Amino acid sequence: MARTRVRITSLLALSAALFLTAACGNDPSPQDTKSEAGPQPQAKKPVVVVTTTWEGAFAKAAGAEDVKVIVPQSVHHAPDYDPKPSDLAAVAKADFVLYAPFEPYAAKIKEAAGSKAKLVEVNLDNDPDKVKAEVDKLGALFGTADAATRWKTGFDTEYAKLNKDVQAGWPGGRSPSVVTQVFTAWSAKLAGATPVGTYGPEAVTPAQLAELAAKKPELVLDNAHMSTGTVLPDSGAKQVKIVNYPGEDLDLLTVYRNAATELKKAMGAS
């Protein structure tokens, strides 16, 4: 009987030991916990090659950090640029290549892109809704959606401030009558104005000139990169130079700030 009690006691002790081992076996040791909670390897940042600073600003807004611009900022009319062999070599090393369909060198860019490069056609338009749509699209492609969202939040705040500031300068407290080049219509929106007419990108014909002059606009919002000179001479309209392309810092918000400054200046003089 005593031997039986010893066996039972031994079995109970063994069962308890096995239970504790099983219960603790899935818990990581302090060393394992430290390893799992430690820094994880970061995903490789995409290499983005863009044709101009305009596409570059969209890429930067979307969260890209490694951005190479092909067309130098010093080139006033970017579509006239002829890519050099070194430009095309850079394209071949890219993860993403951003271009606009209206750029005449788009075919060369496509041909030079390496097998791993993803070609992305960008809708270059500074209309705020279109900008945010492009930034969303690029952020999803780059894997930087969080950075794109943060940029859009800051953009909305800044744009609202500029829009309010420009409208505070309306002559006589009313929205000015404007004519705009097709690629600068976004600046009319920034001013809170509805265009009474548009022109371009071709030069204004005599018939268009008569039609636009009859609208009696106070402002002509001209595209600095595709200007054909004074659009409505002798009409009394103040012509405003609007710049679409950001600088080498690829800060798209600077484009809106500069446009707001020019618009306020013009309305003060109109």
Protein backbone atom coordinates (compact mmCIF):
# COMPACT_ATOMS: atom_id res chain seq x y z
CA MET A 1 0.00 0.00 0.00
CA ALA A 2 2.87 2.38 0.86
CA ARG A 3 4.53 1.52 -2.47
CA THR A 4 1.29 2.37 -4.28
CA ARG A 5 1.12 5.81 -2.57
CA VAL A 6 4.72 6.50 -3.61
CA ARG A 7 3.92 5.66 -7.21
CA ILE A 8 0.84 7.87 -7.22
CA THR A 9 2.78 10.75 -5.66
CA SER A 10 5.53 10.36 -8.26
CA LEU A 11 3.03 10.32 -11.10
CA LEU A 12 1.34 13.46 -9.80
CA ALA A 13 4.68 15.26 -9.54
CA LEU A 14 5.60 14.18 -13.06
CA SER A 15 2.24 15.35 -14.43
CA ALA A 16 2.66 18.73 -12.75
CA ALA A 17 6.14 19.10 -14.21
CA LEU A 18 4.90 18.23 -17.70
CA PHE A 19 2.01 20.72 -17.36
CA LEU A 20 4.34 23.54 -16.34
CA THR A 21 6.69 22.72 -19.20
CA ALA A 22 3.84 22.76 -21.72
CA ALA A 23 2.40 25.97 -20.29
CA CYS A 24 5.73 27.76 -20.49
CA GLY A 25 7.00 26.16 -23.67
CA ASN A 26 5.23 28.63 -26.02
CA ASP A 27 6.35 31.73 -24.13
CA PRO A 28 9.40 33.37 -25.68
CA SER A 29 12.41 33.81 -23.49
CA PRO A 30 13.41 37.39 -22.62
CA GLN A 31 16.04 37.12 -25.34
CA ASP A 32 13.47 35.93 -27.89
CA THR A 33 11.08 38.75 -26.95
CA LYS A 34 13.80 41.31 -27.45
CA SER A 35 14.61 39.84 -30.85
CA GLU A 36 10.98 39.98 -32.05
CA ALA A 37 10.39 43.51 -30.74
CA GLY A 38 13.66 44.82 -32.15
CA PRO A 39 14.00 46.88 -35.35
CA GLN A 40 12.63 45.14 -38.39
CA PRO A 41 14.37 45.47 -41.78
CA GLN A 42 12.93 48.40 -43.73
CA ALA A 43 11.53 47.90 -47.21
CA LYS A 44 13.81 49.22 -49.92
CA LYS A 45 12.90 52.79 -50.86
CA PRO A 46 11.91 53.00 -54.54
CA VAL A 47 14.17 54.78 -57.01
CA VAL A 48 11.94 57.20 -58.93
CA VAL A 49 13.02 58.91 -62.15
CA VAL A 50 10.79 61.74 -63.38
CA THR A 51 10.87 63.78 -66.55
CA THR A 52 10.36 67.20 -64.91
CA THR A 53 10.12 68.85 -61.50
CA TRP A 54 6.34 68.80 -61.90
CA GLU A 55 6.19 64.99 -61.85
CA GLY A 56 8.96 65.12 -59.23
CA ALA A 57 6.82 67.23 -56.92
CA PHE A 58 3.96 64.75 -57.24
CA ALA A 59 6.35 61.90 -56.42
CA LYS A 60 7.78 63.71 -53.40
CA ALA A 61 4.28 64.57 -52.15
CA ALA A 62 3.42 60.87 -52.40
CA GLY A 63 6.36 59.97 -50.15
CA ALA A 64 9.19 59.17 -52.58
CA GLU A 65 12.63 60.15 -51.26
CA ASP A 66 14.99 59.02 -54.02
CA VAL A 67 13.82 61.16 -56.95
CA LYS A 68 15.92 62.01 -60.02
CA VAL A 69 14.70 64.70 -62.43
CA ILE A 70 15.69 64.45 -66.10
CA VAL A 71 14.82 67.91 -67.45
CA PRO A 72 16.87 70.64 -65.71
CA GLN A 73 14.93 73.40 -63.98
CA SER A 74 16.77 75.93 -66.19
CA VAL A 75 14.88 74.66 -69.26
CA HIS A 76 11.98 77.08 -69.58
CA HIS A 77 9.88 74.95 -71.91
CA ALA A 78 10.35 71.38 -70.69
CA PRO A 79 8.78 69.63 -73.73
CA ASP A 80 11.58 71.03 -75.91
CA TYR A 81 14.25 69.15 -73.97
CA ASP A 82 16.16 66.37 -75.73
CA PRO A 83 17.17 63.68 -73.19
CA LYS A 84 20.92 62.93 -73.05
CA PRO A 85 22.37 59.39 -72.94
CA SER A 86 23.07 59.88 -69.22
CA ASP A 87 19.39 60.71 -68.67
CA LEU A 88 18.31 57.54 -70.41
CA ALA A 89 20.86 55.51 -68.43
CA ALA A 90 19.31 56.77 -65.20
CA VAL A 91 15.89 55.69 -66.46
CA ALA A 92 17.15 52.15 -66.93
CA LYS A 93 18.04 51.91 -63.21
CA ALA A 94 14.71 53.17 -61.92
CA ASP A 95 11.98 51.29 -60.09
CA PHE A 96 9.40 53.81 -61.33
CA VAL A 97 9.53 56.23 -64.26
CA LEU A 98 7.02 59.09 -64.23
CA TYR A 99 6.15 61.00 -67.40
CA ALA A 100 3.31 62.97 -68.98
CA PRO A 101 1.77 61.87 -72.30
CA PHE A 102 2.12 65.35 -73.87
CA GLU A 103 5.91 65.28 -73.48
CA PRO A 104 7.43 64.54 -76.92
CA TYR A 105 10.28 62.51 -75.42
CA ALA A 106 7.88 60.09 -73.71
CA ALA A 107 8.59 57.46 -76.40
CA LYS A 108 12.36 57.63 -75.70
CA ILE A 109 11.70 57.33 -71.97
CA LYS A 110 9.57 54.23 -72.48
CA GLU A 111 12.21 52.65 -74.71
CA ALA A 112 15.02 53.34 -72.22
CA ALA A 113 13.19 52.01 -69.17
CA GLY A 114 14.72 48.83 -67.75
CA SER A 115 12.79 45.60 -67.42
CA LYS A 116 12.13 46.20 -63.71
CA ALA A 117 10.97 49.81 -64.14
CA LYS A 118 7.28 50.54 -63.94
CA LEU A 119 6.18 53.30 -66.31
CA VAL A 120 3.63 55.62 -64.74
CA GLU A 121 1.71 58.19 -66.74
CA VAL A 122 0.99 61.25 -64.58
CA ASN A 123 -1.90 63.64 -65.06
CA LEU A 124 -0.09 66.97 -64.71
CA ASP A 125 -2.74 69.38 -63.50
CA ASN A 126 -2.50 71.56 -60.40
CA ASP A 127 -6.23 71.44 -59.78
CA PRO A 128 -6.29 70.41 -56.09
CA ASP A 129 -8.65 67.45 -56.56
CA LYS A 130 -6.57 66.07 -59.44
CA VAL A 131 -3.34 66.58 -57.50
CA LYS A 132 -4.64 64.61 -54.51
CA ALA A 133 -5.89 61.83 -56.78
CA GLU A 134 -2.43 61.52 -58.36
CA VAL A 135 -0.68 61.61 -54.97
CA ASP A 136 -2.98 58.82 -53.75
CA LYS A 137 -2.22 56.75 -56.84
CA LEU A 138 1.54 57.20 -56.52
CA GLY A 139 1.54 56.57 -52.77
CA ALA A 140 -0.17 53.23 -53.39
CA LEU A 141 2.39 52.32 -56.07
CA PHE A 142 5.40 53.35 -53.98
CA GLY A 143 4.15 51.72 -50.78
CA THR A 144 4.11 55.14 -49.08
CA ALA A 145 0.38 55.65 -48.61
CA ASP A 146 0.78 57.00 -45.05
CA ALA A 147 3.21 59.70 -46.20
CA ALA A 148 0.84 60.62 -49.05
CA THR A 149 -2.06 60.98 -46.61
CA ARG A 150 -0.01 63.24 -44.33
CA TRP A 151 0.96 65.43 -47.28
CA LYS A 152 -2.66 65.76 -48.41
CA THR A 153 -3.72 66.88 -44.94
CA GLY A 154 -1.08 69.62 -44.95
CA PHE A 155 -1.98 70.55 -48.51
CA ASP A 156 -5.68 70.98 -47.68
CA THR A 157 -4.82 73.28 -44.78
CA GLU A 158 -2.43 75.41 -46.83
CA TYR A 159 -4.71 75.58 -49.88
CA ALA A 160 -7.70 76.70 -47.79
CA LYS A 161 -5.58 79.44 -46.24
CA LEU A 162 -4.33 80.69 -49.63
CA ASN A 163 -7.81 80.55 -51.15
CA LYS A 164 -9.22 82.65 -48.32
CA ASP A 165 -6.30 85.07 -48.55
CA VAL A 166 -6.73 85.61 -52.30
CA GLN A 167 -10.49 86.07 -52.03
CA ALA A 168 -9.92 88.73 -49.37
CA GLY A 169 -8.24 90.74 -52.12
CA TRP A 170 -11.14 90.65 -54.58
CA PRO A 171 -11.59 94.11 -56.13
CA GLY A 172 -14.69 95.66 -54.61
CA GLY A 173 -15.34 92.44 -52.69
CA ARG A 174 -16.47 90.52 -55.79
CA SER A 175 -14.92 87.70 -57.80
CA PRO A 176 -12.89 89.05 -60.75
CA SER A 177 -13.79 88.15 -64.33
CA VAL A 178 -10.96 86.05 -65.78
CA VAL A 179 -9.81 84.39 -68.99
CA THR A 180 -7.33 81.55 -68.52
CA GLN A 181 -4.99 79.41 -70.54
CA VAL A 182 -6.16 75.78 -70.47
CA PHE A 183 -3.29 74.63 -68.24
CA THR A 184 -3.69 77.41 -65.68
CA ALA A 185 -7.39 77.06 -64.96
CA TRP A 186 -6.43 75.79 -61.48
CA SER A 187 -5.23 79.30 -60.59
CA ALA A 188 -8.69 80.72 -61.34
CA LYS A 189 -10.07 78.19 -58.87
CA LEU A 190 -7.49 79.31 -56.32
CA ALA A 191 -8.74 82.87 -56.82
CA GLY A 192 -12.35 81.73 -56.35
CA ALA A 193 -13.14 82.88 -59.89
CA THR A 194 -15.05 81.12 -62.68
CA PRO A 195 -13.36 81.68 -66.07
CA VAL A 196 -15.49 83.44 -68.68
CA GLY A 197 -13.26 81.99 -71.40
CA THR A 198 -10.20 79.82 -72.06
CA TYR A 199 -7.54 79.68 -74.75
CA GLY A 200 -4.55 77.64 -75.89
CA PRO A 201 -2.39 75.76 -75.93
CA GLU A 202 -2.18 77.08 -79.50
CA ALA A 203 -1.83 80.80 -80.18
CA VAL A 204 -5.04 82.82 -80.04
CA THR A 205 -6.66 83.29 -83.44
CA PRO A 206 -8.24 86.61 -84.47
CA ALA A 207 -11.70 85.07 -84.03
CA GLN A 208 -10.84 83.86 -80.52
CA LEU A 209 -9.33 87.22 -79.71
CA ALA A 210 -12.58 88.98 -80.59
CA GLU A 211 -14.64 86.46 -78.64
CA LEU A 212 -12.49 86.66 -75.50
CA ALA A 213 -12.23 90.47 -75.62
CA ALA A 214 -16.03 90.67 -75.77
CA LYS A 215 -16.16 88.98 -72.38
CA LYS A 216 -14.40 92.04 -70.90
CA PRO A 217 -12.19 90.09 -68.48
CA GLU A 218 -10.29 91.89 -65.76
CA LEU A 219 -7.53 89.27 -65.62
CA VAL A 220 -5.85 86.97 -68.12
CA LEU A 221 -4.16 84.02 -66.38
CA ASP A 222 -1.36 83.08 -68.74
CA ASN A 223 0.83 79.97 -68.70
CA ALA A 224 4.41 81.16 -68.11
CA HIS A 225 5.78 78.02 -69.76
CA MET A 226 3.73 78.33 -72.96
CA SER A 227 3.20 82.06 -73.27
CA THR A 228 2.49 83.53 -76.70
CA GLY A 229 2.87 87.10 -75.49
CA THR A 230 0.10 89.50 -74.60
CA VAL A 231 -3.14 87.60 -75.13
CA LEU A 232 -5.66 90.46 -75.17
CA PRO A 233 -3.79 93.64 -76.15
CA ASP A 234 -5.68 96.91 -75.76
CA SER A 235 -8.44 95.16 -73.78
CA GLY A 236 -7.44 96.67 -70.44
CA ALA A 237 -7.15 93.20 -68.91
CA LYS A 238 -4.25 92.62 -66.54
CA GLN A 239 -2.19 89.60 -67.65
CA VAL A 240 -0.91 87.40 -64.82
CA LYS A 241 2.01 85.00 -65.30
CA ILE A 242 1.22 81.65 -63.69
CA VAL A 243 4.04 79.14 -63.15
CA ASN A 244 3.07 75.45 -63.13
CA TYR A 245 6.44 73.84 -62.45
CA PRO A 246 7.93 73.78 -58.93
CA GLY A 247 11.60 74.47 -58.24
CA GLU A 248 14.46 72.08 -57.63
CA ASP A 249 13.22 71.47 -54.07
CA LEU A 250 10.15 69.77 -55.63
CA ASP A 251 7.82 71.63 -53.28
CA LEU A 252 4.44 71.76 -55.01
CA LEU A 253 2.97 74.09 -52.37
CA THR A 254 5.37 76.82 -53.48
CA VAL A 255 3.56 76.88 -56.84
CA TYR A 256 0.29 77.77 -55.10
CA ARG A 257 1.93 80.34 -52.83
CA ASN A 258 3.55 82.08 -55.79
CA ALA A 259 0.31 82.04 -57.78
CA ALA A 260 -1.57 83.54 -54.81
CA THR A 261 1.00 86.33 -54.58
CA GLU A 262 0.69 87.15 -58.29
CA LEU A 263 -3.09 87.07 -58.18
CA LYS A 264 -3.29 89.42 -55.20
CA LYS A 265 -0.86 91.77 -56.87
CA ALA A 266 -2.89 91.83 -60.06
CA MET A 267 -6.22 92.33 -58.31
CA GLY A 268 -4.77 95.20 -56.35
CA ALA A 269 -3.78 96.83 -59.62
CA SER A 270 -6.98 96.06 -61.51
